[in-house]
Amino acid sequence: MKNTVLRYSVMRLMIFFGCLILFWLLGLRSQDQQPLLLVLAAFTSLVVSYFFLRRDRDAMSNRLAAKMEQRAARRREVVGEDEGAEDAELGGPDTR
């Protein structure tokens, strides 16, 4: 999973810096235009990465969801074991 997250993050950064360089080459170079340069690069990279990194984003989301489901299943098992032990200790429903 770390490879997927790392790959996605690096690709997002590369797209951002690519947009930044593109707008700089198009003429947004003066100090007064730097905020506009950053905003345009951020917005453009957001749109580009939304469409071109969809597969990576979906893969990362699926892996995170599966990992969360595994953790939830383990918690349910532990809680079930704890409740069974408490019932046995207190003389619960199974021990009449």
C-alpha atoms as a PDB file:
ATOM      1  CA  MET A   1       0.000   0.000   0.000  1.00  0.00           C
ATOM      2  CA  LYS A   2       2.862   2.371   0.727  1.00  0.00           C
ATOM      3  CA  ASN A   3       3.973   2.140  -2.892  1.00  0.00           C
ATOM      4  CA  THR A   4       0.531   3.173  -4.102  1.00  0.00           C
ATOM      5  CA  VAL A   5       0.333   6.155  -1.771  1.00  0.00           C
ATOM      6  CA  LEU A   6       3.891   7.196  -2.565  1.00  0.00           C
ATOM      7  CA  ARG A   7       3.354   6.833  -6.311  1.00  0.00           C
ATOM      8  CA  TYR A   8       0.118   8.834  -6.200  1.00  0.00           C
ATOM      9  CA  SER A   9       1.711  11.603  -4.118  1.00  0.00           C
ATOM     10  CA  VAL A  10       4.743  11.858  -6.381  1.00  0.00           C
ATOM     11  CA  MET A  11       2.547  11.974  -9.479  1.00  0.00           C
ATOM     12  CA  ARG A  12       0.436  14.771  -7.939  1.00  0.00           C
ATOM     13  CA  LEU A  13       3.579  16.769  -7.168  1.00  0.00           C
ATOM     14  CA  MET A  14       4.956  16.216 -10.656  1.00  0.00           C
ATOM     15  CA  ILE A  15       1.709  17.424 -12.213  1.00  0.00           C
ATOM     16  CA  PHE A  16       1.701  20.499  -9.972  1.00  0.00           C
ATOM     17  CA  PHE A  17       5.291  21.426 -10.789  1.00  0.00           C
ATOM     18  CA  GLY A  18       4.656  20.736 -14.469  1.00  0.00           C
ATOM     19  CA  CYS A  19       1.726  23.172 -14.424  1.00  0.00           C
ATOM     20  CA  LEU A  20       3.819  25.663 -12.471  1.00  0.00           C
ATOM     21  CA  ILE A  21       6.605  25.529 -15.075  1.00  0.00           C
ATOM     22  CA  LEU A  22       4.100  25.712 -17.923  1.00  0.00           C
ATOM     23  CA  PHE A  23       2.472  28.890 -16.608  1.00  0.00           C
ATOM     24  CA  TRP A  24       5.887  30.368 -15.808  1.00  0.00           C
ATOM     25  CA  LEU A  25       6.979  29.733 -19.392  1.00  0.00           C
ATOM     26  CA  LEU A  26       3.746  31.321 -20.639  1.00  0.00           C
ATOM     27  CA  GLY A  27       4.736  34.574 -18.969  1.00  0.00           C
ATOM     28  CA  LEU A  28       3.616  34.613 -15.330  1.00  0.00           C
ATOM     29  CA  ARG A  29       7.067  35.581 -14.073  1.00  0.00           C
ATOM     30  CA  SER A  30       6.880  38.881 -12.226  1.00  0.00           C
ATOM     31  CA  GLN A  31       6.638  39.068  -8.472  1.00  0.00           C
ATOM     32  CA  ASP A  32       3.143  40.572  -8.719  1.00  0.00           C
ATOM     33  CA  GLN A  33       1.954  37.526 -10.685  1.00  0.00           C
ATOM     34  CA  GLN A  34       3.346  34.890  -8.301  1.00  0.00           C
ATOM     35  CA  PRO A  35       0.084  34.421  -6.360  1.00  0.00           C
ATOM     36  CA  LEU A  36      -1.794  34.022  -9.641  1.00  0.00           C
ATOM     37  CA  LEU A  37       0.867  31.586 -10.850  1.00  0.00           C
ATOM     38  CA  LEU A  38       0.465  29.416  -7.739  1.00  0.00           C
ATOM     39  CA  VAL A  39      -3.333  29.479  -7.810  1.00  0.00           C
ATOM     40  CA  LEU A  40      -3.497  28.632 -11.518  1.00  0.00           C
ATOM     41  CA  ALA A  41      -0.956  25.833 -11.123  1.00  0.00           C
ATOM     42  CA  ALA A  42      -2.797  24.397  -8.116  1.00  0.00           C
ATOM     43  CA  PHE A  43      -6.213  24.516  -9.785  1.00  0.00           C
ATOM     44  CA  THR A  44      -4.957  23.143 -13.098  1.00  0.00           C
ATOM     45  CA  SER A  45      -3.045  20.324 -11.410  1.00  0.00           C
ATOM     46  CA  LEU A  46      -6.145  19.462  -9.392  1.00  0.00           C
ATOM     47  CA  VAL A  47      -8.244  19.107 -12.541  1.00  0.00           C
ATOM     48  CA  VAL A  48      -5.554  17.226 -14.464  1.00  0.00           C
ATOM     49  CA  SER A  49      -4.858  14.802 -11.619  1.00  0.00           C
ATOM     50  CA  TYR A  50      -8.589  14.205 -11.094  1.00  0.00           C
ATOM     51  CA  PHE A  51      -8.890  12.824 -14.601  1.00  0.00           C
ATOM     52  CA  PHE A  52      -5.466  11.265 -15.205  1.00  0.00           C
ATOM     53  CA  LEU A  53      -4.844   9.734 -11.777  1.00  0.00           C
ATOM     54  CA  ARG A  54      -8.302   8.240 -11.305  1.00  0.00           C
ATOM     55  CA  ARG A  55      -7.039   4.655 -11.568  1.00  0.00           C
ATOM     56  CA  ASP A  56      -4.342   5.223  -8.944  1.00  0.00           C
ATOM     57  CA  ARG A  57      -6.743   7.079  -6.652  1.00  0.00           C
ATOM     58  CA  ASP A  58      -9.331   4.277  -6.922  1.00  0.00           C
ATOM     59  CA  ALA A  59      -6.701   1.608  -6.237  1.00  0.00           C
ATOM     60  CA  MET A  60      -5.472   3.515  -3.202  1.00  0.00           C
ATOM     61  CA  SER A  61      -9.036   3.989  -1.915  1.00  0.00           C
ATOM     62  CA  ASN A  62      -9.857   0.305  -2.380  1.00  0.00           C
ATOM     63  CA  ARG A  63      -6.761  -0.770  -0.485  1.00  0.00           C
ATOM     64  CA  LEU A  64      -7.492   1.642   2.350  1.00  0.00           C
ATOM     65  CA  ALA A  65     -11.110   0.434   2.541  1.00  0.00           C
ATOM     66  CA  ALA A  66     -10.005  -3.206   2.626  1.00  0.00           C
ATOM     67  CA  LYS A  67      -7.501  -2.470   5.376  1.00  0.00           C
ATOM     68  CA  MET A  68     -10.142  -0.660   7.436  1.00  0.00           C
ATOM     69  CA  GLU A  69     -12.544  -3.589   6.986  1.00  0.00           C
ATOM     70  CA  GLN A  70      -9.866  -6.021   8.189  1.00  0.00           C
ATOM     71  CA  ARG A  71      -9.262  -3.904  11.284  1.00  0.00           C
ATOM     72  CA  ALA A  72     -12.996  -3.725  11.999  1.00  0.00           C
ATOM     73  CA  ALA A  73     -13.311  -7.515  11.644  1.00  0.00           C
ATOM     74  CA  ARG A  74     -10.425  -8.049  14.081  1.00  0.00           C
ATOM     75  CA  ARG A  75     -12.051  -5.677  16.574  1.00  0.00           C
ATOM     76  CA  ARG A  76     -15.342  -7.549  16.304  1.00  0.00           C
ATOM     77  CA  GLU A  77     -13.530 -10.833  16.988  1.00  0.00           C
ATOM     78  CA  VAL A  78     -11.780  -9.416  20.040  1.00  0.00           C
ATOM     79  CA  VAL A  79     -15.002  -7.910  21.395  1.00  0.00           C
ATOM     80  CA  GLY A  80     -16.818 -11.212  20.853  1.00  0.00           C
ATOM     81  CA  GLU A  81     -14.098 -13.119  22.710  1.00  0.00           C
ATOM     82  CA  ASP A  82     -14.178 -10.616  25.565  1.00  0.00           C
ATOM     83  CA  GLU A  83     -17.964 -10.878  25.916  1.00  0.00           C
ATOM     84  CA  GLY A  84     -17.798 -14.686  25.924  1.00  0.00           C
ATOM     85  CA  ALA A  85     -15.124 -14.650  28.617  1.00  0.00           C
ATOM     86  CA  GLU A  86     -17.167 -12.236  30.738  1.00  0.00           C
ATOM     87  CA  ASP A  87     -20.291 -14.370  30.376  1.00  0.00           C
ATOM     88  CA  ALA A  88     -18.395 -17.496  31.437  1.00  0.00           C
ATOM     89  CA  GLU A  89     -16.825 -15.687  34.358  1.00  0.00           C
ATOM     90  CA  LEU A  90     -20.124 -14.261  35.615  1.00  0.00           C
ATOM     91  CA  GLY A  91     -22.133 -17.412  34.985  1.00  0.00           C
ATOM     92  CA  GLY A  92     -23.959 -15.912  32.012  1.00  0.00           C
ATOM     93  CA  PRO A  93     -26.533 -17.448  29.693  1.00  0.00           C
ATOM     94  CA  ASP A  94     -24.416 -20.447  28.698  1.00  0.00           C
ATOM     95  CA  THR A  95     -23.880 -21.684  32.259  1.00  0.00           C
ATOM     96  CA  ARG A  96     -27.287 -22.520  33.806  1.00  0.00           C
END
